[in-house]
């Protein structure tokens, strides 16, 4: 299977590694890509695990996100810019666009996401949507 985050890669050699062991993620961009793939695959356990404990969705929100992600047709991910987030950093950002079709119309999530380390691995903290 091709990886949802980058169709030039196989899932097993790309995001599956992160989905199986979040500690293999070395940068915020890798985490962002693995989270996008988790949305495509409706892998809610990974989405929760890769979310900072202070901003993690509650059980009701998790169910709503899972229901929504199963109703859209994910098209592609574009990573636009990263700041900091090297292996030795403790924080970083990733600006991205995630394209999808919902109710027959194409839409895009354009966000600048904040990442940090928690419990020894990278996690998503929050993001600011861009117009």
C-alpha atoms as a PDB file:
ATOM      1  CA  UNK A   1       0.000   0.000   0.000  1.00  0.00           C
ATOM      2  CA  UNK A   2       1.223   3.513  -0.766  1.00  0.00           C
ATOM      3  CA  UNK A   3       1.662   5.808   2.203  1.00  0.00           C
ATOM      4  CA  UNK A   4      -1.094   8.433   2.505  1.00  0.00           C
ATOM      5  CA  UNK A   5       1.445  11.112   3.497  1.00  0.00           C
ATOM      6  CA  UNK A   6       3.554  10.589   0.373  1.00  0.00           C
ATOM      7  CA  UNK A   7       2.427   8.196  -2.384  1.00  0.00           C
ATOM      8  CA  UNK A   8       6.061   7.787  -3.488  1.00  0.00           C
ATOM      9  CA  UNK A   9       6.675   5.763  -0.302  1.00  0.00           C
ATOM     10  CA  UNK A  10       5.226   2.479   0.861  1.00  0.00           C
ATOM     11  CA  UNK A  11       3.168   2.706   4.049  1.00  0.00           C
ATOM     12  CA  UNK A  12       5.198  -0.077   5.686  1.00  0.00           C
ATOM     13  CA  UNK A  13       8.471   1.833   5.222  1.00  0.00           C
ATOM     14  CA  UNK A  14       6.979   5.224   6.131  1.00  0.00           C
ATOM     15  CA  UNK A  15       4.139   5.996   8.556  1.00  0.00           C
ATOM     16  CA  UNK A  16       3.456   2.430   9.649  1.00  0.00           C
ATOM     17  CA  UNK A  17       6.696   2.525  11.650  1.00  0.00           C
ATOM     18  CA  UNK A  18       5.410   5.543  13.595  1.00  0.00           C
ATOM     19  CA  UNK A  19       1.957   3.994  14.011  1.00  0.00           C
ATOM     20  CA  UNK A  20       3.556   0.887  15.494  1.00  0.00           C
ATOM     21  CA  UNK A  21       6.029   2.784  17.710  1.00  0.00           C
ATOM     22  CA  UNK A  22       5.733   6.547  18.212  1.00  0.00           C
ATOM     23  CA  UNK A  23       9.258   6.614  19.627  1.00  0.00           C
ATOM     24  CA  UNK A  24      10.618   6.089  16.086  1.00  0.00           C
ATOM     25  CA  UNK A  25       9.435   9.603  15.108  1.00  0.00           C
ATOM     26  CA  UNK A  26      12.445  11.938  14.971  1.00  0.00           C
ATOM     27  CA  UNK A  27      10.960  15.305  13.938  1.00  0.00           C
ATOM     28  CA  UNK A  28       7.685  17.250  14.039  1.00  0.00           C
ATOM     29  CA  UNK A  29       7.362  16.849  10.264  1.00  0.00           C
ATOM     30  CA  UNK A  30       7.521  13.070  10.628  1.00  0.00           C
ATOM     31  CA  UNK A  31       4.865  13.285  13.337  1.00  0.00           C
ATOM     32  CA  UNK A  32       2.697  15.569  11.177  1.00  0.00           C
ATOM     33  CA  UNK A  33       2.942  13.141   8.275  1.00  0.00           C
ATOM     34  CA  UNK A  34       2.126  10.154  10.494  1.00  0.00           C
ATOM     35  CA  UNK A  35      -0.865  12.016  11.964  1.00  0.00           C
ATOM     36  CA  UNK A  36      -2.170  12.807   8.478  1.00  0.00           C
ATOM     37  CA  UNK A  37      -1.871   9.115   7.582  1.00  0.00           C
ATOM     38  CA  UNK A  38      -3.658   8.234  10.826  1.00  0.00           C
ATOM     39  CA  UNK A  39      -6.532  10.554   9.848  1.00  0.00           C
ATOM     40  CA  UNK A  40      -6.728   8.878   6.427  1.00  0.00           C
ATOM     41  CA  UNK A  41      -6.763   5.433   8.060  1.00  0.00           C
ATOM     42  CA  UNK A  42      -9.009   6.523  10.982  1.00  0.00           C
ATOM     43  CA  UNK A  43      -6.327   5.312  13.421  1.00  0.00           C
ATOM     44  CA  UNK A  44      -7.743   7.069  16.471  1.00  0.00           C
ATOM     45  CA  UNK A  45      -5.467   5.336  18.968  1.00  0.00           C
ATOM     46  CA  UNK A  46      -2.418   6.809  17.255  1.00  0.00           C
ATOM     47  CA  UNK A  47      -4.041  10.236  16.952  1.00  0.00           C
ATOM     48  CA  UNK A  48      -4.676  10.233  20.694  1.00  0.00           C
ATOM     49  CA  UNK A  49      -1.182   8.951  21.540  1.00  0.00           C
ATOM     50  CA  UNK A  50       0.435  11.592  19.306  1.00  0.00           C
ATOM     51  CA  UNK A  51      -1.569  14.439  20.884  1.00  0.00           C
ATOM     52  CA  UNK A  52      -0.212  16.395  23.872  1.00  0.00           C
ATOM     53  CA  UNK A  53      -1.931  15.380  27.117  1.00  0.00           C
ATOM     54  CA  UNK A  54      -3.049  18.963  27.840  1.00  0.00           C
ATOM     55  CA  UNK A  55      -4.900  19.354  24.511  1.00  0.00           C
ATOM     56  CA  UNK A  56      -5.883  15.736  23.739  1.00  0.00           C
ATOM     57  CA  UNK A  57      -9.516  15.314  22.626  1.00  0.00           C
ATOM     58  CA  UNK A  58     -11.852  13.814  25.206  1.00  0.00           C
ATOM     59  CA  UNK A  59     -13.856  10.621  24.499  1.00  0.00           C
ATOM     60  CA  UNK A  60     -16.797  12.478  22.917  1.00  0.00           C
ATOM     61  CA  UNK A  61     -14.507  14.606  20.735  1.00  0.00           C
ATOM     62  CA  UNK A  62     -12.559  11.480  19.752  1.00  0.00           C
ATOM     63  CA  UNK A  63     -15.780   9.794  18.572  1.00  0.00           C
ATOM     64  CA  UNK A  64     -16.772  12.927  16.613  1.00  0.00           C
ATOM     65  CA  UNK A  65     -13.356  13.147  14.937  1.00  0.00           C
ATOM     66  CA  UNK A  66     -13.448   9.455  14.056  1.00  0.00           C
ATOM     67  CA  UNK A  67     -16.938   9.747  12.550  1.00  0.00           C
ATOM     68  CA  UNK A  68     -15.913  12.821  10.536  1.00  0.00           C
ATOM     69  CA  UNK A  69     -12.648  11.394   9.228  1.00  0.00           C
ATOM     70  CA  UNK A  70     -14.518   8.352   7.886  1.00  0.00           C
ATOM     71  CA  UNK A  71     -16.901  10.566   5.883  1.00  0.00           C
ATOM     72  CA  UNK A  72     -14.273  12.473   3.921  1.00  0.00           C
ATOM     73  CA  UNK A  73     -12.089  11.360   1.035  1.00  0.00           C
ATOM     74  CA  UNK A  74      -8.537  12.412   1.805  1.00  0.00           C
ATOM     75  CA  UNK A  75      -6.611  13.547  -1.279  1.00  0.00           C
ATOM     76  CA  UNK A  76      -3.121  14.690  -0.349  1.00  0.00           C
ATOM     77  CA  UNK A  77      -0.830  16.364   2.139  1.00  0.00           C
ATOM     78  CA  UNK A  78       1.488  19.259   1.335  1.00  0.00           C
ATOM     79  CA  UNK A  79       4.096  20.256   3.909  1.00  0.00           C
ATOM     80  CA  UNK A  80       4.857  23.929   3.276  1.00  0.00           C
ATOM     81  CA  UNK A  81       7.346  24.905   5.975  1.00  0.00           C
ATOM     82  CA  UNK A  82       8.956  23.648   9.156  1.00  0.00           C
ATOM     83  CA  UNK A  83      10.725  25.587  11.883  1.00  0.00           C
ATOM     84  CA  UNK A  84      13.020  24.151  14.516  1.00  0.00           C
ATOM     85  CA  UNK A  85      12.056  20.562  15.274  1.00  0.00           C
ATOM     86  CA  UNK A  86      15.428  18.967  14.669  1.00  0.00           C
ATOM     87  CA  UNK A  87      16.268  15.773  16.498  1.00  0.00           C
ATOM     88  CA  UNK A  88      17.945  17.753  19.305  1.00  0.00           C
ATOM     89  CA  UNK A  89      15.107  20.353  19.630  1.00  0.00           C
ATOM     90  CA  UNK A  90      12.236  20.214  22.095  1.00  0.00           C
ATOM     91  CA  UNK A  91       9.733  22.210  20.019  1.00  0.00           C
ATOM     92  CA  UNK A  92       8.925  22.914  16.393  1.00  0.00           C
ATOM     93  CA  UNK A  93       6.239  23.931  13.939  1.00  0.00           C
ATOM     94  CA  UNK A  94       4.937  22.543  10.676  1.00  0.00           C
ATOM     95  CA  UNK A  95       2.805  24.482   8.226  1.00  0.00           C
ATOM     96  CA  UNK A  96       0.782  22.176   6.004  1.00  0.00           C
ATOM     97  CA  UNK A  97      -2.223  21.834   3.736  1.00  0.00           C
ATOM     98  CA  UNK A  98      -4.367  18.692   3.855  1.00  0.00           C
ATOM     99  CA  UNK A  99      -6.763  18.374   0.932  1.00  0.00           C
ATOM    100  CA  UNK A 100      -9.973  16.331   1.082  1.00  0.00           C
ATOM    101  CA  UNK A 101     -13.427  15.987  -0.447  1.00  0.00           C
ATOM    102  CA  UNK A 102     -16.459  16.344   1.800  1.00  0.00           C
ATOM    103  CA  UNK A 103     -20.036  16.224   0.514  1.00  0.00           C
ATOM    104  CA  UNK A 104     -18.759  16.343  -3.059  1.00  0.00           C
ATOM    105  CA  UNK A 105     -16.705  19.514  -2.539  1.00  0.00           C
ATOM    106  CA  UNK A 106     -12.951  19.876  -2.225  1.00  0.00           C
ATOM    107  CA  UNK A 107     -11.757  21.493   0.992  1.00  0.00           C
ATOM    108  CA  UNK A 108      -8.412  22.147   2.600  1.00  0.00           C
ATOM    109  CA  UNK A 109      -7.095  22.361   6.139  1.00  0.00           C
ATOM    110  CA  UNK A 110      -4.282  24.937   6.143  1.00  0.00           C
ATOM    111  CA  UNK A 111      -2.639  25.020   9.542  1.00  0.00           C
ATOM    112  CA  UNK A 112       0.557  25.981  11.307  1.00  0.00           C
ATOM    113  CA  UNK A 113       0.919  23.276  13.948  1.00  0.00           C
ATOM    114  CA  UNK A 114       2.911  23.378  17.168  1.00  0.00           C
ATOM    115  CA  UNK A 115       4.800  20.317  18.376  1.00  0.00           C
ATOM    116  CA  UNK A 116       6.772  19.532  21.497  1.00  0.00           C
ATOM    117  CA  UNK A 117       8.261  16.539  23.241  1.00  0.00           C
ATOM    118  CA  UNK A 118       6.280  14.785  25.954  1.00  0.00           C
ATOM    119  CA  UNK A 119       7.225  11.497  27.610  1.00  0.00           C
ATOM    120  CA  UNK A 120      10.295  11.291  25.381  1.00  0.00           C
ATOM    121  CA  UNK A 121       8.550  11.579  22.008  1.00  0.00           C
ATOM    122  CA  UNK A 122       7.115  14.255  19.716  1.00  0.00           C
ATOM    123  CA  UNK A 123       3.441  15.218  20.133  1.00  0.00           C
ATOM    124  CA  UNK A 124       1.024  17.636  18.500  1.00  0.00           C
ATOM    125  CA  UNK A 125       0.070  20.496  20.841  1.00  0.00           C
ATOM    126  CA  UNK A 126      -2.231  22.731  18.796  1.00  0.00           C
ATOM    127  CA  UNK A 127      -2.499  24.600  15.556  1.00  0.00           C
ATOM    128  CA  UNK A 128      -3.560  27.879  14.063  1.00  0.00           C
ATOM    129  CA  UNK A 129      -5.709  27.654  10.956  1.00  0.00           C
ATOM    130  CA  UNK A 130      -4.755  29.898   8.091  1.00  0.00           C
ATOM    131  CA  UNK A 131      -7.096  31.433   5.545  1.00  0.00           C
END
